[in-house]
Amino acid sequence: MRLNPQNHRPGTESRAGGERVNCDVDRYNELRYIYLMTPPSAANPDNLLPLPVAMFHILVAVADQDRHGYAIMQDVAARTNGVLKLSPGTLYGSIRRMLDESLIVEISERQRPDEDDERRRYYRITAFGRAVAQAEAARLTTLLRQAKAVGLAPGRA
C-alpha cells in the first residue's frame, strides 16, 4: 500500500484502485486484545499493594479451596471471629476488580453438582493472585515487626 499524499487523511491509506481503508483498525484490535488479556498489574504483584482489606480476606478464603460468594462471606466472618462481615456490595465489587486484575477466576465446574445450586458462581485463586497475597502477607509481617519494635504491638520485634 502506498500513501496518496493528495487525498490522505490520518489513519487511512489508499489501495491501488483508489479504495480507502482504515489502517488503524488492525493496530487498535491488536492493542485492545493485549490490553484485555494482560492485567494492568501482571508484571509485578507489588503494583497492587497495599491490598484493600476485603480483597486480602477474599484471597485468603479462596487460597485453600474454590468457593462461591456466600461461602466466601461465611469464611471471612469465621476467620475474623465476626469482626469483618463483607456486605454483598463489598464482596461482589471486590470480586469484579479481582477478576479484572486476574487475581481470581470464575470456574464452571462444581464440586458436587448434584447437591449445588446451579446459579452459584465459584471462584479460584490464580498463580498471580497467590503471588499478590503472599506479597501482601510479607508486607503485613514487616509492618507488624515494626509495630512491635516501637511498642505498638505485644511481643518482640
C-alpha atoms as a PDB file:
ATOM      1  CA  MET A   1       0.000   0.000   0.000  1.00  0.00           C
ATOM      2  CA  ARG A   2       1.203   3.483  -0.793  1.00  0.00           C
ATOM      3  CA  LEU A   3       0.079   6.693   0.783  1.00  0.00           C
ATOM      4  CA  ASN A   4      -1.703   9.073  -1.547  1.00  0.00           C
ATOM      5  CA  PRO A   5      -0.494  12.492  -0.313  1.00  0.00           C
ATOM      6  CA  GLN A   6      -3.155  14.406  -2.232  1.00  0.00           C
ATOM      7  CA  ASN A   7      -6.182  12.801  -0.585  1.00  0.00           C
ATOM      8  CA  HIS A   8      -4.620  11.412   2.570  1.00  0.00           C
ATOM      9  CA  ARG A   9      -6.447  11.598   5.872  1.00  0.00           C
ATOM     10  CA  PRO A  10      -4.620  10.460   9.018  1.00  0.00           C
ATOM     11  CA  GLY A  11      -5.453   6.849   9.748  1.00  0.00           C
ATOM     12  CA  THR A  12      -6.311   5.947   6.146  1.00  0.00           C
ATOM     13  CA  GLU A  13      -4.350   4.525   3.255  1.00  0.00           C
ATOM     14  CA  SER A  14      -5.226   4.095  -0.413  1.00  0.00           C
ATOM     15  CA  ARG A  15      -5.025   0.824  -2.264  1.00  0.00           C
ATOM     16  CA  ALA A  16      -4.091   0.536  -5.932  1.00  0.00           C
ATOM     17  CA  GLY A  17      -7.694   1.005  -7.086  1.00  0.00           C
ATOM     18  CA  GLY A  18      -8.100   4.208  -5.065  1.00  0.00           C
ATOM     19  CA  GLU A  19     -10.123   2.422  -2.355  1.00  0.00           C
ATOM     20  CA  ARG A  20      -9.557   3.824   1.140  1.00  0.00           C
ATOM     21  CA  VAL A  21      -9.018   1.552   4.104  1.00  0.00           C
ATOM     22  CA  ASN A  22      -8.554   2.346   7.751  1.00  0.00           C
ATOM     23  CA  CYS A  23      -5.027   1.271   8.643  1.00  0.00           C
ATOM     24  CA  ASP A  24      -5.513   1.864  12.371  1.00  0.00           C
ATOM     25  CA  VAL A  25      -8.186  -0.802  12.827  1.00  0.00           C
ATOM     26  CA  ASP A  26      -5.760  -3.719  12.904  1.00  0.00           C
ATOM     27  CA  ARG A  27      -3.425  -1.950  15.311  1.00  0.00           C
ATOM     28  CA  TYR A  28      -6.359  -0.944  17.500  1.00  0.00           C
ATOM     29  CA  ASN A  29      -7.615  -4.540  17.637  1.00  0.00           C
ATOM     30  CA  GLU A  30      -4.133  -5.804  18.434  1.00  0.00           C
ATOM     31  CA  LEU A  31      -3.688  -3.317  21.279  1.00  0.00           C
ATOM     32  CA  ARG A  32      -7.185  -3.979  22.571  1.00  0.00           C
ATOM     33  CA  TYR A  33      -6.510  -7.727  22.669  1.00  0.00           C
ATOM     34  CA  ILE A  34      -3.219  -7.208  24.506  1.00  0.00           C
ATOM     35  CA  TYR A  35      -4.908  -4.860  26.979  1.00  0.00           C
ATOM     36  CA  LEU A  36      -7.807  -7.220  27.651  1.00  0.00           C
ATOM     37  CA  MET A  37      -5.600 -10.275  28.001  1.00  0.00           C
ATOM     38  CA  THR A  38      -2.941  -8.657  30.200  1.00  0.00           C
ATOM     39  CA  PRO A  39      -3.956  -7.464  33.638  1.00  0.00           C
ATOM     40  CA  PRO A  40      -2.586  -3.979  34.374  1.00  0.00           C
ATOM     41  CA  SER A  41      -0.535  -5.212  37.321  1.00  0.00           C
ATOM     42  CA  ALA A  42       0.619  -8.555  35.937  1.00  0.00           C
ATOM     43  CA  ALA A  43       4.234  -7.522  35.680  1.00  0.00           C
ATOM     44  CA  ASN A  44       4.696  -7.176  39.434  1.00  0.00           C
ATOM     45  CA  PRO A  45       2.475  -8.207  42.375  1.00  0.00           C
ATOM     46  CA  ASP A  46       3.812  -5.250  44.362  1.00  0.00           C
ATOM     47  CA  ASN A  47       1.963  -2.909  41.980  1.00  0.00           C
ATOM     48  CA  LEU A  48      -1.302  -3.856  43.727  1.00  0.00           C
ATOM     49  CA  LEU A  49      -0.048  -3.307  47.267  1.00  0.00           C
ATOM     50  CA  PRO A  50      -1.335  -2.433  49.725  1.00  0.00           C
ATOM     51  CA  LEU A  51      -4.389  -4.546  49.031  1.00  0.00           C
ATOM     52  CA  PRO A  52      -7.761  -3.416  50.323  1.00  0.00           C
ATOM     53  CA  VAL A  53      -8.675  -5.432  53.431  1.00  0.00           C
ATOM     54  CA  ALA A  54     -11.656  -7.112  51.758  1.00  0.00           C
ATOM     55  CA  MET A  55      -9.577  -8.250  48.778  1.00  0.00           C
ATOM     56  CA  PHE A  56      -6.903  -9.781  51.003  1.00  0.00           C
ATOM     57  CA  HIS A  57      -9.512 -11.678  53.022  1.00  0.00           C
ATOM     58  CA  ILE A  58     -11.166 -12.941  49.827  1.00  0.00           C
ATOM     59  CA  LEU A  59      -7.798 -14.213  48.540  1.00  0.00           C
ATOM     60  CA  VAL A  60      -7.224 -15.983  51.865  1.00  0.00           C
ATOM     61  CA  ALA A  61     -10.708 -17.529  51.643  1.00  0.00           C
ATOM     62  CA  VAL A  62     -10.121 -18.981  48.163  1.00  0.00           C
ATOM     63  CA  ALA A  63      -6.457 -19.902  48.752  1.00  0.00           C
ATOM     64  CA  ASP A  64      -7.233 -23.403  50.000  1.00  0.00           C
ATOM     65  CA  GLN A  65     -10.373 -24.246  48.023  1.00  0.00           C
ATOM     66  CA  ASP A  66     -12.798 -22.925  45.423  1.00  0.00           C
ATOM     67  CA  ARG A  67     -15.725 -21.083  46.967  1.00  0.00           C
ATOM     68  CA  HIS A  68     -18.901 -19.334  45.893  1.00  0.00           C
ATOM     69  CA  GLY A  69     -19.761 -15.830  47.060  1.00  0.00           C
ATOM     70  CA  TYR A  70     -21.798 -16.730  50.128  1.00  0.00           C
ATOM     71  CA  ALA A  71     -19.185 -19.273  51.239  1.00  0.00           C
ATOM     72  CA  ILE A  72     -16.514 -16.558  50.930  1.00  0.00           C
ATOM     73  CA  MET A  73     -18.611 -14.263  53.150  1.00  0.00           C
ATOM     74  CA  GLN A  74     -19.006 -17.027  55.742  1.00  0.00           C
ATOM     75  CA  ASP A  75     -15.290 -17.922  55.659  1.00  0.00           C
ATOM     76  CA  VAL A  76     -14.188 -14.309  56.166  1.00  0.00           C
ATOM     77  CA  ALA A  77     -16.603 -13.870  59.076  1.00  0.00           C
ATOM     78  CA  ALA A  78     -15.397 -17.130  60.668  1.00  0.00           C
ATOM     79  CA  ARG A  79     -11.677 -16.343  60.226  1.00  0.00           C
ATOM     80  CA  THR A  80     -12.138 -12.905  61.812  1.00  0.00           C
ATOM     81  CA  ASN A  81     -14.432 -14.142  64.610  1.00  0.00           C
ATOM     82  CA  GLY A  82     -17.224 -11.990  63.212  1.00  0.00           C
ATOM     83  CA  VAL A  83     -15.175  -8.767  63.259  1.00  0.00           C
ATOM     84  CA  LEU A  84     -15.288  -8.442  59.474  1.00  0.00           C
ATOM     85  CA  LYS A  85     -18.548  -9.181  57.724  1.00  0.00           C
ATOM     86  CA  LEU A  86     -18.472  -8.473  53.997  1.00  0.00           C
ATOM     87  CA  SER A  87     -21.629  -6.972  52.577  1.00  0.00           C
ATOM     88  CA  PRO A  88     -22.759  -8.297  49.183  1.00  0.00           C
ATOM     89  CA  GLY A  89     -21.807  -4.958  47.595  1.00  0.00           C
ATOM     90  CA  THR A  90     -18.286  -5.075  49.010  1.00  0.00           C
ATOM     91  CA  LEU A  91     -17.878  -8.752  48.159  1.00  0.00           C
ATOM     92  CA  TYR A  92     -19.038  -8.609  44.557  1.00  0.00           C
ATOM     93  CA  GLY A  93     -17.392  -5.242  43.864  1.00  0.00           C
ATOM     94  CA  SER A  94     -14.106  -6.719  45.104  1.00  0.00           C
ATOM     95  CA  ILE A  95     -14.644  -9.916  43.121  1.00  0.00           C
ATOM     96  CA  ARG A  96     -15.246  -7.896  39.944  1.00  0.00           C
ATOM     97  CA  ARG A  97     -11.982  -6.000  40.443  1.00  0.00           C
ATOM     98  CA  MET A  98     -10.110  -9.202  41.312  1.00  0.00           C
ATOM     99  CA  LEU A  99     -11.385 -10.847  38.134  1.00  0.00           C
ATOM    100  CA  ASP A 100     -10.218  -7.804  36.143  1.00  0.00           C
ATOM    101  CA  GLU A 101      -6.776  -7.995  37.756  1.00  0.00           C
ATOM    102  CA  SER A 102      -6.587 -11.794  37.201  1.00  0.00           C
ATOM    103  CA  LEU A 103      -6.234 -12.473  40.926  1.00  0.00           C
ATOM    104  CA  ILE A 104      -9.079 -14.975  40.753  1.00  0.00           C
ATOM    105  CA  VAL A 105     -11.035 -16.738  38.019  1.00  0.00           C
ATOM    106  CA  GLU A 106     -14.614 -17.842  37.848  1.00  0.00           C
ATOM    107  CA  ILE A 107     -14.821 -21.570  37.283  1.00  0.00           C
ATOM    108  CA  SER A 108     -17.608 -23.536  35.693  1.00  0.00           C
ATOM    109  CA  GLU A 109     -17.051 -26.946  37.288  1.00  0.00           C
ATOM    110  CA  ARG A 110     -18.832 -27.663  40.542  1.00  0.00           C
ATOM    111  CA  GLN A 111     -17.512 -29.755  43.399  1.00  0.00           C
ATOM    112  CA  ARG A 112     -20.851 -31.522  43.962  1.00  0.00           C
ATOM    113  CA  PRO A 113     -23.158 -30.587  41.091  1.00  0.00           C
ATOM    114  CA  ASP A 114     -26.000 -32.815  42.327  1.00  0.00           C
ATOM    115  CA  GLU A 115     -26.090 -31.001  45.710  1.00  0.00           C
ATOM    116  CA  ASP A 116     -25.340 -27.498  44.446  1.00  0.00           C
ATOM    117  CA  ASP A 117     -27.440 -24.582  43.232  1.00  0.00           C
ATOM    118  CA  GLU A 118     -26.630 -24.037  39.549  1.00  0.00           C
ATOM    119  CA  ARG A 119     -26.856 -20.248  39.999  1.00  0.00           C
ATOM    120  CA  ARG A 120     -23.803 -20.174  42.256  1.00  0.00           C
ATOM    121  CA  ARG A 121     -20.583 -18.880  40.801  1.00  0.00           C
ATOM    122  CA  TYR A 122     -17.380 -20.395  42.090  1.00  0.00           C
ATOM    123  CA  TYR A 123     -14.042 -18.603  42.282  1.00  0.00           C
ATOM    124  CA  ARG A 124     -10.473 -19.903  42.306  1.00  0.00           C
ATOM    125  CA  ILE A 125      -7.237 -18.101  43.107  1.00  0.00           C
ATOM    126  CA  THR A 126      -4.750 -17.759  40.228  1.00  0.00           C
ATOM    127  CA  ALA A 127      -0.962 -18.079  40.424  1.00  0.00           C
ATOM    128  CA  PHE A 128      -0.767 -14.293  40.139  1.00  0.00           C
ATOM    129  CA  GLY A 129      -3.390 -13.928  42.892  1.00  0.00           C
ATOM    130  CA  ARG A 130      -1.370 -16.223  45.138  1.00  0.00           C
ATOM    131  CA  ALA A 131       1.779 -14.160  44.466  1.00  0.00           C
ATOM    132  CA  VAL A 132      -0.101 -10.944  45.327  1.00  0.00           C
ATOM    133  CA  ALA A 133      -1.491 -12.492  48.539  1.00  0.00           C
ATOM    134  CA  GLN A 134       1.997 -13.669  49.534  1.00  0.00           C
ATOM    135  CA  ALA A 135       3.426 -10.204  48.857  1.00  0.00           C
ATOM    136  CA  GLU A 136       0.667  -8.623  50.974  1.00  0.00           C
ATOM    137  CA  ALA A 137       1.285 -11.115  53.786  1.00  0.00           C
ATOM    138  CA  ALA A 138       5.011 -10.260  53.693  1.00  0.00           C
ATOM    139  CA  ARG A 139       4.165  -6.540  53.770  1.00  0.00           C
ATOM    140  CA  LEU A 140       1.899  -7.041  56.784  1.00  0.00           C
ATOM    141  CA  THR A 141       4.550  -9.162  58.535  1.00  0.00           C
ATOM    142  CA  THR A 142       7.082  -6.357  58.116  1.00  0.00           C
ATOM    143  CA  LEU A 143       4.563  -3.812  59.380  1.00  0.00           C
ATOM    144  CA  LEU A 144       3.813  -5.930  62.461  1.00  0.00           C
ATOM    145  CA  ARG A 145       7.532  -6.346  63.163  1.00  0.00           C
ATOM    146  CA  GLN A 146       7.956  -2.552  63.012  1.00  0.00           C
ATOM    147  CA  ALA A 147       4.986  -2.007  65.338  1.00  0.00           C
ATOM    148  CA  LYS A 148       6.443  -4.468  67.842  1.00  0.00           C
ATOM    149  CA  ALA A 149       9.839  -2.742  67.687  1.00  0.00           C
ATOM    150  CA  VAL A 150       8.324   0.540  68.844  1.00  0.00           C
ATOM    151  CA  GLY A 151       5.966  -0.983  71.409  1.00  0.00           C
ATOM    152  CA  LEU A 152       2.713  -0.618  69.469  1.00  0.00           C
ATOM    153  CA  ALA A 153       2.038  -4.362  69.393  1.00  0.00           C
ATOM    154  CA  PRO A 154       2.664  -7.033  72.020  1.00  0.00           C
ATOM    155  CA  GLY A 155       5.712  -9.238  71.624  1.00  0.00           C
ATOM    156  CA  ARG A 156       9.252  -8.748  70.499  1.00  0.00           C
ATOM    157  CA  ALA A 157      10.487  -7.426  67.207  1.00  0.00           C
END
